[in-house]
Amino acid sequence: MRYSNLTLLPWRSIMPRAVKRKEHPLSMRLPETDIAIIDRAATLRGRSRTDFVRDAAVRAAEDVLMETVPIRMSPAGLKAFMAALSGSATPVLQMIELFRRTAPWETGGSDAEG
């Protein structure tokens, strides 16, 4: 049998390629007391230990980055920002009402207004 129209492809184009991993393993050694605290908190949130630790680590990393990343804005944006900071404060009625209430620990848990 002849295959006159057969085109040979390089072997790399027909062999399956390894899929790039989207996740990378992270391993750490922790004392039992740390594991117990993490497991308790994860259970309270209804999460696995891995999910809980990953979320906490990412949140902490984002906090650090937000503290160190400079805020960039245009000259017009800076002018508007400075004008907002320099202007007089406008009272927020909900905040005024909240601060007038007696704290629950000062009254045994009842609200002063009922």
N, C-alpha and C. Protein backbone atom coordinates (compact mmCIF):
# COMPACT_ATOMS: atom_id res chain seq x y z
N MET A 1 0.84 -1.17 0.00
CA MET A 1 0.00 0.00 0.00
C MET A 1 0.89 1.23 0.00
N ARG A 2 0.57 2.17 -0.82
CA ARG A 2 1.34 3.40 -0.92
C ARG A 2 0.58 4.56 -0.31
N TYR A 3 1.35 5.41 0.38
CA TYR A 3 0.79 6.62 0.97
C TYR A 3 1.45 7.80 0.32
N SER A 4 0.99 8.16 -0.83
CA SER A 4 1.63 9.24 -1.57
C SER A 4 1.34 10.62 -0.96
N ASN A 5 0.22 10.76 -0.32
CA ASN A 5 -0.14 12.05 0.27
C ASN A 5 0.18 12.13 1.77
N LEU A 6 0.97 11.24 2.26
CA LEU A 6 1.29 11.20 3.67
C LEU A 6 2.34 12.25 4.01
N THR A 7 2.05 13.07 5.00
CA THR A 7 3.00 14.08 5.45
C THR A 7 3.50 13.66 6.82
N LEU A 8 4.79 13.57 6.97
CA LEU A 8 5.37 13.20 8.25
C LEU A 8 5.57 14.46 9.09
N LEU A 9 5.09 14.41 10.31
CA LEU A 9 5.21 15.53 11.23
C LEU A 9 6.35 15.24 12.19
N PRO A 10 7.01 16.27 12.65
CA PRO A 10 8.03 16.05 13.68
C PRO A 10 7.38 15.42 14.90
N TRP A 11 8.08 14.53 15.59
CA TRP A 11 7.50 13.80 16.71
C TRP A 11 7.03 14.72 17.82
N ARG A 12 7.65 15.88 17.98
CA ARG A 12 7.24 16.80 19.05
C ARG A 12 5.84 17.36 18.81
N SER A 13 5.44 17.46 17.57
CA SER A 13 4.12 18.05 17.30
C SER A 13 2.99 17.06 17.53
N ILE A 14 3.30 15.76 17.58
CA ILE A 14 2.23 14.78 17.78
C ILE A 14 2.26 14.17 19.18
N MET A 15 3.34 14.32 19.90
CA MET A 15 3.42 13.79 21.26
C MET A 15 2.75 14.77 22.22
N PRO A 16 2.01 14.26 23.20
CA PRO A 16 1.40 15.18 24.16
C PRO A 16 2.47 15.91 24.97
N ARG A 17 2.24 17.17 25.19
CA ARG A 17 3.18 17.97 25.96
C ARG A 17 2.76 17.97 27.42
N ALA A 18 3.73 18.11 28.26
CA ALA A 18 3.42 18.21 29.68
C ALA A 18 2.65 19.50 29.94
N VAL A 19 1.61 19.39 30.70
CA VAL A 19 0.80 20.56 31.05
C VAL A 19 1.54 21.34 32.12
N LYS A 20 1.64 22.64 31.94
CA LYS A 20 2.29 23.48 32.95
C LYS A 20 1.42 23.51 34.19
N ARG A 21 2.05 23.35 35.32
CA ARG A 21 1.32 23.37 36.58
C ARG A 21 0.86 24.79 36.88
N LYS A 22 -0.38 24.89 37.30
CA LYS A 22 -0.91 26.19 37.70
C LYS A 22 -0.74 26.40 39.19
N GLU A 23 -0.47 25.32 39.90
CA GLU A 23 -0.28 25.41 41.34
C GLU A 23 1.10 24.89 41.68
N HIS A 24 1.67 25.44 42.72
CA HIS A 24 3.00 25.04 43.16
C HIS A 24 2.92 24.63 44.62
N PRO A 25 3.52 23.50 44.95
CA PRO A 25 3.45 23.05 46.35
C PRO A 25 4.24 23.96 47.28
N LEU A 26 3.74 24.09 48.49
CA LEU A 26 4.41 24.87 49.53
C LEU A 26 4.36 24.03 50.79
N SER A 27 5.50 23.82 51.37
CA SER A 27 5.58 22.97 52.55
C SER A 27 6.21 23.75 53.69
N MET A 28 5.72 23.52 54.92
CA MET A 28 6.32 24.17 56.07
C MET A 28 6.15 23.29 57.29
N ARG A 29 7.05 23.46 58.23
CA ARG A 29 6.98 22.72 59.49
C ARG A 29 6.45 23.67 60.55
N LEU A 30 5.42 23.22 61.26
CA LEU A 30 4.80 24.05 62.29
C LEU A 30 4.67 23.24 63.57
N PRO A 31 4.77 23.92 64.71
CA PRO A 31 4.53 23.23 65.97
C PRO A 31 3.07 22.80 66.08
N GLU A 32 2.82 21.77 66.89
CA GLU A 32 1.46 21.26 67.06
C GLU A 32 0.49 22.34 67.53
N THR A 33 0.98 23.25 68.36
CA THR A 33 0.09 24.30 68.87
C THR A 33 -0.39 25.20 67.73
N ASP A 34 0.49 25.52 66.79
CA ASP A 34 0.09 26.34 65.64
C ASP A 34 -0.93 25.59 64.78
N ILE A 35 -0.68 24.31 64.54
CA ILE A 35 -1.60 23.50 63.74
C ILE A 35 -2.97 23.44 64.41
N ALA A 36 -2.98 23.30 65.74
CA ALA A 36 -4.25 23.23 66.46
C ALA A 36 -5.04 24.52 66.31
N ILE A 37 -4.36 25.65 66.41
CA ILE A 37 -5.04 26.95 66.26
C ILE A 37 -5.56 27.11 64.84
N ILE A 38 -4.74 26.76 63.87
CA ILE A 38 -5.14 26.88 62.46
C ILE A 38 -6.34 25.97 62.18
N ASP A 39 -6.26 24.72 62.65
CA ASP A 39 -7.37 23.79 62.42
C ASP A 39 -8.66 24.26 63.07
N ARG A 40 -8.55 24.80 64.27
CA ARG A 40 -9.75 25.30 64.96
C ARG A 40 -10.39 26.45 64.18
N ALA A 41 -9.55 27.40 63.76
CA ALA A 41 -10.07 28.54 63.00
C ALA A 41 -10.64 28.09 61.66
N ALA A 42 -9.95 27.19 60.97
CA ALA A 42 -10.43 26.70 59.68
C ALA A 42 -11.78 26.01 59.84
N THR A 43 -11.92 25.23 60.90
CA THR A 43 -13.18 24.54 61.16
C THR A 43 -14.31 25.54 61.42
N LEU A 44 -14.01 26.59 62.18
CA LEU A 44 -15.02 27.61 62.45
C LEU A 44 -15.48 28.31 61.18
N ARG A 45 -14.58 28.43 60.21
CA ARG A 45 -14.93 29.05 58.93
C ARG A 45 -15.49 28.05 57.92
N GLY A 46 -15.46 26.78 58.27
CA GLY A 46 -15.95 25.76 57.34
C GLY A 46 -15.00 25.54 56.18
N ARG A 47 -13.72 25.72 56.39
CA ARG A 47 -12.71 25.60 55.33
C ARG A 47 -11.73 24.49 55.66
N SER A 48 -11.04 24.01 54.67
CA SER A 48 -9.96 23.06 54.92
C SER A 48 -8.75 23.82 55.44
N ARG A 49 -7.83 23.09 56.05
CA ARG A 49 -6.60 23.72 56.54
C ARG A 49 -5.86 24.40 55.40
N THR A 50 -5.76 23.72 54.26
CA THR A 50 -5.03 24.27 53.11
C THR A 50 -5.66 25.57 52.62
N ASP A 51 -6.98 25.57 52.45
CA ASP A 51 -7.68 26.78 51.99
C ASP A 51 -7.51 27.92 52.99
N PHE A 52 -7.66 27.59 54.26
CA PHE A 52 -7.55 28.62 55.30
C PHE A 52 -6.15 29.24 55.31
N VAL A 53 -5.12 28.41 55.30
CA VAL A 53 -3.74 28.92 55.34
C VAL A 53 -3.42 29.69 54.06
N ARG A 54 -3.86 29.18 52.91
CA ARG A 54 -3.60 29.89 51.64
C ARG A 54 -4.24 31.27 51.66
N ASP A 55 -5.51 31.34 52.06
CA ASP A 55 -6.20 32.64 52.10
C ASP A 55 -5.53 33.60 53.08
N ALA A 56 -5.15 33.09 54.25
CA ALA A 56 -4.50 33.95 55.25
C ALA A 56 -3.14 34.45 54.74
N ALA A 57 -2.39 33.58 54.09
CA ALA A 57 -1.07 33.98 53.57
C ALA A 57 -1.21 35.00 52.45
N VAL A 58 -2.14 34.78 51.55
CA VAL A 58 -2.34 35.73 50.44
C VAL A 58 -2.82 37.07 50.97
N ARG A 59 -3.74 37.06 51.94
CA ARG A 59 -4.23 38.31 52.53
C ARG A 59 -3.09 39.08 53.21
N ALA A 60 -2.24 38.37 53.95
CA ALA A 60 -1.10 39.02 54.61
C ALA A 60 -0.13 39.59 53.57
N ALA A 61 0.11 38.86 52.50
CA ALA A 61 1.01 39.34 51.46
C ALA A 61 0.43 40.58 50.77
N GLU A 62 -0.87 40.58 50.50
CA GLU A 62 -1.50 41.75 49.89
C GLU A 62 -1.41 42.96 50.80
N ASP A 63 -1.59 42.75 52.11
CA ASP A 63 -1.47 43.86 53.06
C ASP A 63 -0.08 44.49 53.01
N VAL A 64 0.94 43.65 52.99
CA VAL A 64 2.32 44.15 52.94
C VAL A 64 2.55 44.92 51.64
N LEU A 65 2.08 44.37 50.54
CA LEU A 65 2.27 45.05 49.26
C LEU A 65 1.54 46.38 49.21
N MET A 66 0.32 46.42 49.75
CA MET A 66 -0.43 47.67 49.75
C MET A 66 0.22 48.74 50.62
N GLU A 67 0.95 48.32 51.64
CA GLU A 67 1.65 49.28 52.50
C GLU A 67 2.86 49.88 51.81
N THR A 68 3.41 49.18 50.84
CA THR A 68 4.67 49.62 50.24
C THR A 68 4.53 50.13 48.82
N VAL A 69 3.38 49.94 48.19
CA VAL A 69 3.18 50.37 46.81
C VAL A 69 2.81 51.85 46.80
N PRO A 70 3.56 52.65 46.06
CA PRO A 70 3.20 54.07 46.00
C PRO A 70 1.90 54.28 45.22
N ILE A 71 1.15 55.28 45.63
CA ILE A 71 -0.08 55.62 44.93
C ILE A 71 0.27 56.67 43.88
N ARG A 72 -0.08 56.38 42.66
CA ARG A 72 0.23 57.32 41.57
C ARG A 72 -1.07 57.96 41.08
N MET A 73 -1.00 59.25 40.84
CA MET A 73 -2.15 59.94 40.28
C MET A 73 -1.68 61.13 39.46
N SER A 74 -2.55 61.58 38.61
CA SER A 74 -2.24 62.71 37.75
C SER A 74 -2.21 63.99 38.58
N PRO A 75 -1.60 65.06 38.06
CA PRO A 75 -1.63 66.33 38.79
C PRO A 75 -3.06 66.80 39.09
N ALA A 76 -3.97 66.60 38.15
CA ALA A 76 -5.36 66.99 38.38
C ALA A 76 -5.98 66.13 39.48
N GLY A 77 -5.67 64.83 39.48
CA GLY A 77 -6.18 63.93 40.51
C GLY A 77 -5.65 64.30 41.88
N LEU A 78 -4.36 64.68 41.95
CA LEU A 78 -3.76 65.09 43.21
C LEU A 78 -4.42 66.37 43.72
N LYS A 79 -4.69 67.29 42.82
CA LYS A 79 -5.33 68.55 43.20
C LYS A 79 -6.73 68.28 43.77
N ALA A 80 -7.50 67.39 43.13
CA ALA A 80 -8.84 67.06 43.61
C ALA A 80 -8.77 66.34 44.96
N PHE A 81 -7.78 65.47 45.11
CA PHE A 81 -7.60 64.74 46.37
C PHE A 81 -7.27 65.70 47.50
N MET A 82 -6.36 66.63 47.26
CA MET A 82 -5.97 67.60 48.28
C MET A 82 -7.13 68.52 48.63
N ALA A 83 -7.94 68.87 47.64
CA ALA A 83 -9.11 69.72 47.90
C ALA A 83 -10.11 68.97 48.78
N ALA A 84 -10.29 67.69 48.54
CA ALA A 84 -11.21 66.90 49.36
C ALA A 84 -10.71 66.81 50.80
N LEU A 85 -9.40 66.65 50.97
CA LEU A 85 -8.84 66.57 52.32
C LEU A 85 -8.89 67.91 53.04
N SER A 86 -8.73 68.98 52.29
CA SER A 86 -8.68 70.31 52.88
C SER A 86 -10.06 70.88 53.18
N GLY A 87 -11.09 70.35 52.56
CA GLY A 87 -12.43 70.87 52.76
C GLY A 87 -12.96 70.54 54.14
N SER A 88 -14.06 71.17 54.49
CA SER A 88 -14.65 70.91 55.80
C SER A 88 -15.32 69.55 55.81
N ALA A 89 -15.31 68.93 56.97
CA ALA A 89 -15.90 67.61 57.11
C ALA A 89 -17.42 67.71 57.12
N THR A 90 -18.07 66.74 56.54
CA THR A 90 -19.52 66.68 56.54
C THR A 90 -19.95 65.61 57.53
N PRO A 91 -20.80 65.95 58.51
CA PRO A 91 -21.23 64.96 59.48
C PRO A 91 -22.01 63.82 58.82
N VAL A 92 -21.79 62.62 59.30
CA VAL A 92 -22.53 61.45 58.83
C VAL A 92 -23.51 61.10 59.94
N LEU A 93 -24.79 61.26 59.66
CA LEU A 93 -25.82 61.10 60.69
C LEU A 93 -25.80 59.72 61.35
N GLN A 94 -25.56 58.68 60.57
CA GLN A 94 -25.52 57.33 61.13
C GLN A 94 -24.37 57.20 62.13
N MET A 95 -23.24 57.83 61.86
CA MET A 95 -22.10 57.76 62.78
C MET A 95 -22.40 58.55 64.06
N ILE A 96 -23.05 59.68 63.93
CA ILE A 96 -23.41 60.48 65.12
C ILE A 96 -24.34 59.67 66.01
N GLU A 97 -25.33 59.03 65.39
CA GLU A 97 -26.27 58.20 66.16
C GLU A 97 -25.54 57.04 66.84
N LEU A 98 -24.64 56.42 66.14
CA LEU A 98 -23.90 55.29 66.70
C LEU A 98 -23.07 55.71 67.91
N PHE A 99 -22.40 56.83 67.83
CA PHE A 99 -21.56 57.28 68.93
C PHE A 99 -22.37 57.79 70.13
N ARG A 100 -23.62 58.13 69.93
CA ARG A 100 -24.47 58.57 71.05
C ARG A 100 -25.01 57.39 71.85
N ARG A 101 -24.99 56.20 71.26
CA ARG A 101 -25.50 55.01 71.96
C ARG A 101 -24.54 54.62 73.08
N THR A 102 -25.10 54.01 74.10
CA THR A 102 -24.30 53.46 75.19
C THR A 102 -23.75 52.11 74.73
N ALA A 103 -22.50 51.85 75.02
CA ALA A 103 -21.87 50.60 74.61
C ALA A 103 -22.54 49.43 75.33
N PRO A 104 -22.71 48.29 74.65
CA PRO A 104 -23.39 47.14 75.26
C PRO A 104 -22.73 46.68 76.56
N TRP A 105 -21.43 46.76 76.67
CA TRP A 105 -20.76 46.31 77.89
C TRP A 105 -20.94 47.28 79.05
N GLU A 106 -21.44 48.48 78.77
CA GLU A 106 -21.68 49.46 79.83
C GLU A 106 -23.09 49.34 80.39
N THR A 107 -23.99 48.67 79.67
CA THR A 107 -25.39 48.60 80.10
C THR A 107 -25.87 47.17 80.31
N GLY A 108 -24.99 46.20 80.17
CA GLY A 108 -25.41 44.82 80.30
C GLY A 108 -26.06 44.29 79.05
N GLY A 109 -25.82 44.93 77.91
CA GLY A 109 -26.30 44.43 76.63
C GLY A 109 -27.54 45.09 76.09
N SER A 110 -28.15 46.01 76.83
CA SER A 110 -29.35 46.67 76.31
C SER A 110 -28.97 47.99 75.66
N ASP A 111 -29.73 48.36 74.66
CA ASP A 111 -29.52 49.61 73.95
C ASP A 111 -30.18 50.75 74.73
N ALA A 112 -29.52 51.88 74.87
CA ALA A 112 -30.04 53.00 75.65
C ALA A 112 -31.36 53.52 75.09
N GLU A 113 -31.51 53.40 73.76
CA GLU A 113 -32.73 53.94 73.14
C GLU A 113 -33.83 52.90 73.07
N GLY A 114 -33.58 51.67 73.44
CA GLY A 114 -34.61 50.66 73.44
C GLY A 114 -34.43 49.74 72.34
